[in-house]
Protein backbone atom coordinates (compact mmCIF):
# COMPACT_ATOMS: atom_id res chain seq x y z
CA MET A 1 118.34 96.83 98.93
CA ILE A 2 116.17 97.33 95.90
CA ASP A 3 116.94 100.00 93.32
CA THR A 4 113.86 102.19 93.28
CA ASP A 5 114.90 103.88 90.05
CA LYS A 6 113.89 100.66 88.28
CA PRO A 7 110.36 99.25 87.81
CA LEU A 8 109.31 97.33 90.91
CA ALA A 9 108.31 93.69 90.78
CA ASN A 10 104.64 94.66 90.70
CA ASN A 11 105.43 97.12 87.89
CA ILE A 12 104.47 100.32 89.70
CA VAL A 13 107.33 102.76 89.14
CA LEU A 14 108.38 105.16 91.88
CA LEU A 15 109.20 108.62 90.61
CA PRO A 16 112.94 109.40 90.72
CA ASN A 17 114.41 110.81 93.92
CA PRO A 18 118.18 111.36 93.75
CA GLU A 19 118.43 112.23 97.48
CA ARG A 20 117.86 108.68 98.64
CA GLY A 21 119.47 107.50 101.87
CA ILE A 22 119.24 104.30 103.85
CA THR A 23 115.89 105.26 105.41
CA GLU A 24 114.43 105.89 101.96
CA GLN A 25 115.66 102.51 100.77
CA VAL A 26 114.18 100.73 103.79
CA TYR A 27 110.93 102.63 103.28
CA ALA A 28 110.77 101.61 99.62
CA GLN A 29 111.47 97.97 100.41
CA LEU A 30 108.82 97.84 103.13
CA LEU A 31 106.29 99.60 100.92
CA LEU A 32 106.91 97.11 98.14
CA GLY A 33 106.40 94.23 100.55
CA ILE A 34 103.15 95.75 101.82
CA GLU A 35 101.87 96.36 98.31
CA ARG A 36 102.72 92.85 97.15
CA ARG A 37 101.13 91.51 100.34
CA ASP A 38 104.36 89.88 101.45
CA TYR A 39 103.35 91.49 104.73
CA ARG A 40 99.72 90.50 104.98
CA PRO A 41 97.01 92.91 106.20
CA GLY A 42 96.75 92.73 109.97
CA ARG A 43 100.24 91.28 110.35
CA GLN A 44 102.25 92.72 113.23
CA LEU A 45 105.69 93.95 112.23
CA ASP A 46 108.59 92.84 114.38
CA GLU A 47 111.28 95.55 114.38
CA ARG A 48 114.11 93.25 115.36
CA GLY A 49 113.23 90.63 112.77
CA LEU A 50 112.82 93.22 110.02
CA ALA A 51 116.12 94.92 110.87
CA GLU A 52 117.95 91.59 110.76
CA ALA A 53 116.28 90.54 107.50
CA MET A 54 117.19 93.85 105.84
CA SER A 55 120.66 94.05 107.43
CA VAL A 56 120.00 97.56 108.73
CA SER A 57 120.05 99.21 112.14
CA ARG A 58 116.86 99.91 114.06
CA THR A 59 117.03 103.70 113.55
CA PRO A 60 116.38 103.87 109.78
CA LEU A 61 113.85 101.06 110.15
CA ARG A 62 111.93 102.99 112.80
CA ASN A 63 112.03 106.13 110.66
CA ALA A 64 110.65 104.18 107.69
CA LEU A 65 107.93 102.56 109.81
CA SER A 66 106.96 105.94 111.24
CA ARG A 67 106.60 107.34 107.74
CA LEU A 68 104.45 104.39 106.63
CA LEU A 69 102.29 104.86 109.73
CA GLY A 70 101.83 108.54 108.97
CA GLU A 71 100.89 107.75 105.36
CA GLY A 72 98.23 105.27 106.45
CA TYR A 73 99.84 102.04 105.28
CA LEU A 74 100.31 100.85 108.86
CA GLU A 75 98.23 101.15 112.01
CA ARG A 76 99.13 101.06 115.67
CA LEU A 77 97.52 98.26 117.66
CA PRO A 78 96.29 98.58 121.27
CA ASN A 79 99.45 96.77 122.45
CA GLY A 80 101.58 99.48 120.82
CA SER A 81 102.92 97.37 117.96
CA LEU A 82 102.52 98.27 114.30
CA ALA A 83 100.57 96.21 111.79
CA VAL A 84 99.75 96.45 108.09
CA ARG A 85 96.41 98.21 107.75
CA GLU A 86 93.56 96.31 106.13
CA VAL A 87 91.94 97.91 103.07
CA GLY A 88 88.30 96.91 102.91
CA ALA A 89 85.72 96.91 100.16
CA GLY A 90 84.46 100.42 100.88
CA GLU A 91 87.93 101.90 100.59
CA VAL A 92 88.63 99.95 97.40
CA LEU A 93 85.50 101.47 95.86
CA GLU A 94 86.58 104.96 96.92
CA LEU A 95 90.02 104.40 95.38
CA LEU A 96 88.49 103.08 92.17
CA SER A 97 86.43 106.28 92.03
CA VAL A 98 89.59 108.36 92.38
CA ARG A 99 91.19 106.43 89.54
CA ARG A 100 88.05 106.81 87.41
CA LEU A 101 88.26 110.59 87.82
CA LEU A 102 91.97 110.89 87.05
CA GLU A 103 93.31 107.99 85.03
CA PRO A 104 91.29 108.60 81.84
CA GLU A 105 92.77 112.11 81.70
CA ALA A 106 96.25 110.72 82.32
CA SER A 107 95.67 108.31 79.42
CA ALA A 108 94.67 111.18 77.15
CA GLN A 109 97.82 113.07 78.14
CA ALA A 110 99.97 109.98 77.50
CA ALA A 111 98.61 109.47 73.98
CA GLY A 112 101.31 110.41 71.52
CA ARG A 113 104.04 110.49 74.18
CA VAL A 114 104.80 106.75 74.38
CA ALA A 115 107.29 105.04 72.08
CA ILE A 116 105.27 102.94 69.64
CA GLU A 117 107.77 100.08 69.90
CA ARG A 118 107.17 99.79 73.64
CA VAL A 119 103.40 99.83 73.23
CA LEU A 120 103.50 97.17 70.53
CA ASP A 121 105.78 95.01 72.67
CA LEU A 122 103.32 95.19 75.57
CA ARG A 123 100.43 94.48 73.23
CA GLY A 124 102.18 91.37 71.95
CA GLN A 125 102.84 90.18 75.49
CA LEU A 126 99.20 90.64 76.45
CA LEU A 127 97.87 88.81 73.40
CA GLY A 128 100.36 86.01 73.95
CA LEU A 129 99.16 85.25 77.48
CA ASP A 130 97.66 81.83 78.17
CA PRO A 131 94.03 82.38 79.26
CA GLU A 132 94.53 79.70 81.92
CA ASP A 133 97.66 81.32 83.36
CA THR A 134 96.82 82.63 86.82
CA SER A 135 100.40 83.45 87.86
CA ALA A 136 101.37 86.79 89.34
CA MET A 137 103.41 87.54 86.22
CA ALA A 138 100.37 87.11 83.97
CA TRP A 139 98.36 89.42 86.21
CA GLN A 140 101.16 91.98 86.16
CA GLN A 141 101.16 92.21 82.37
CA GLY A 142 97.91 94.16 82.46
CA ASP A 143 99.19 96.30 85.31
CA MET A 144 102.07 97.42 83.09
CA ILE A 145 99.63 99.31 80.86
CA HIS A 146 98.66 101.50 83.82
CA ASP A 147 102.35 102.05 84.56
CA LEU A 148 102.87 103.16 80.99
CA VAL A 149 100.14 105.77 81.34
CA VAL A 150 101.46 107.34 84.55
CA GLU A 151 105.03 107.31 83.26
CA HIS A 152 104.06 109.32 80.17
CA CYS A 153 101.17 111.53 81.32
CA GLY A 154 103.57 114.46 81.73
CA ASN A 155 102.24 115.43 85.17
CA GLN A 156 104.09 114.08 88.20
CA SER A 157 101.47 115.30 90.68
CA LEU A 158 98.76 113.45 88.77
CA ALA A 159 101.00 110.39 88.51
CA ARG A 160 101.65 110.33 92.27
CA ILE A 161 97.94 110.38 93.13
CA ILE A 162 97.18 107.56 90.70
CA ILE A 163 100.15 105.50 91.91
CA ASP A 164 99.05 105.90 95.53
CA ALA A 165 95.46 104.86 94.73
CA ARG A 166 96.66 101.81 92.82
CA ARG A 167 99.09 100.89 95.58
CA ARG A 168 96.37 100.95 98.24
CA ILE A 169 94.07 98.84 96.05
CA HIS A 170 96.89 96.32 95.65
CA MET A 171 97.07 96.05 99.45
CA SER A 172 93.52 94.71 99.59
CA THR A 173 92.88 90.98 99.58
CA LEU A 174 89.71 91.78 97.58
CA GLU A 175 91.63 93.29 94.68
CA GLU A 176 91.40 90.64 91.97
CA VAL A 177 87.89 90.10 90.61
CA PRO A 178 87.12 86.52 89.52
CA GLY A 179 86.15 86.08 85.86
CA ARG A 180 87.53 89.42 84.68
CA ARG A 181 90.82 88.24 83.20
CA GLU A 182 89.85 87.92 79.52
CA ALA A 183 87.64 91.02 79.47
CA ALA A 184 90.34 93.07 81.18
CA ARG A 185 92.92 91.90 78.65
CA ALA A 186 90.73 93.08 75.76
CA GLU A 187 90.22 96.42 77.52
CA HIS A 188 93.96 96.82 78.07
CA VAL A 189 94.62 96.09 74.38
CA ALA A 190 92.09 98.80 73.46
CA ILE A 191 93.98 101.28 75.64
CA LEU A 192 97.26 100.34 73.96
CA ASP A 193 95.70 100.69 70.50
CA ALA A 194 94.59 104.22 71.39
CA LEU A 195 98.09 105.05 72.62
CA VAL A 196 99.61 103.71 69.39
CA ARG A 197 97.28 105.92 67.36
CA GLY A 198 98.08 108.89 69.59
CA ASP A 199 94.38 109.62 69.98
CA PRO A 200 93.67 111.39 73.30
CA SER A 201 89.88 111.03 73.08
CA GLU A 202 90.08 107.33 72.29
CA ALA A 203 92.63 106.75 75.06
CA ARG A 204 90.45 108.60 77.57
CA ALA A 205 87.36 106.61 76.59
CA ALA A 206 89.18 103.26 76.60
CA MET A 207 90.57 103.81 80.09
CA ALA A 208 87.21 105.05 81.41
CA ARG A 209 85.49 101.98 79.98
CA HIS A 210 88.07 99.68 81.58
CA LEU A 211 87.76 101.31 85.02
CA ASP A 212 83.95 101.33 84.84
CA ASN A 213 83.95 97.62 84.03
CA SER A 214 86.46 96.94 86.81
CA ARG A 215 84.23 98.70 89.33
CA ASP A 216 81.09 96.91 88.08
CA GLY A 217 82.88 93.56 88.25
CA PHE A 218 84.03 94.30 91.79
CA LEU A 219 80.50 95.21 92.89
CA THR A 220 79.08 92.05 91.35
CA ALA A 221 81.80 89.70 92.61
CA PHE A 222 81.56 90.85 96.21
CA GLY A 223 77.80 91.44 96.36
CA ILE A 224 78.03 95.17 97.01
CA GLY A 225 75.37 97.64 96.06
């Protein structure tokens, strides 16, 4: 089982929950797989196969699947089986709008709260990326800036909403916009610079600019609007 007190492989950090049993662990592992698209949208989930792969009984697995269904990550098919729900372009745009409303404010709240050493380390990692590197790890470097913001915004309710919106965007096969890598890196560096200076207004503006450009790039790339 994964330890959900640690950053996940995609860098989104789950808020601490000390009362974590086997169902919670199964839930977290399934959610991570859905978010990373290990379980592709539309894929039917086989209870027996999942239980064997996770070395758990069917009861906690069913409880976890029921929770994911209730939260809208899964859908029930006409044959009664469960499948990963597909997140289309319209929903991605709605989720980007949610982030545009909330994440700039979270960035302003995080300014001055983050250890400068951590920000500078992330900045160095971003600037050291090979522009031709298209690996998942390279993509995740930018995502870590958004993690940093929600971890230090000082408002867990705000953090949960942003994390959920980001998670659902990650589920979509339309998530990554072609040709945005270098521009997004520069925008992420600007966010980090604002955090280093502890300037709430600058951090708010830098995040808003990044999310506006992300939305515009998405609209252009997929011919929407």
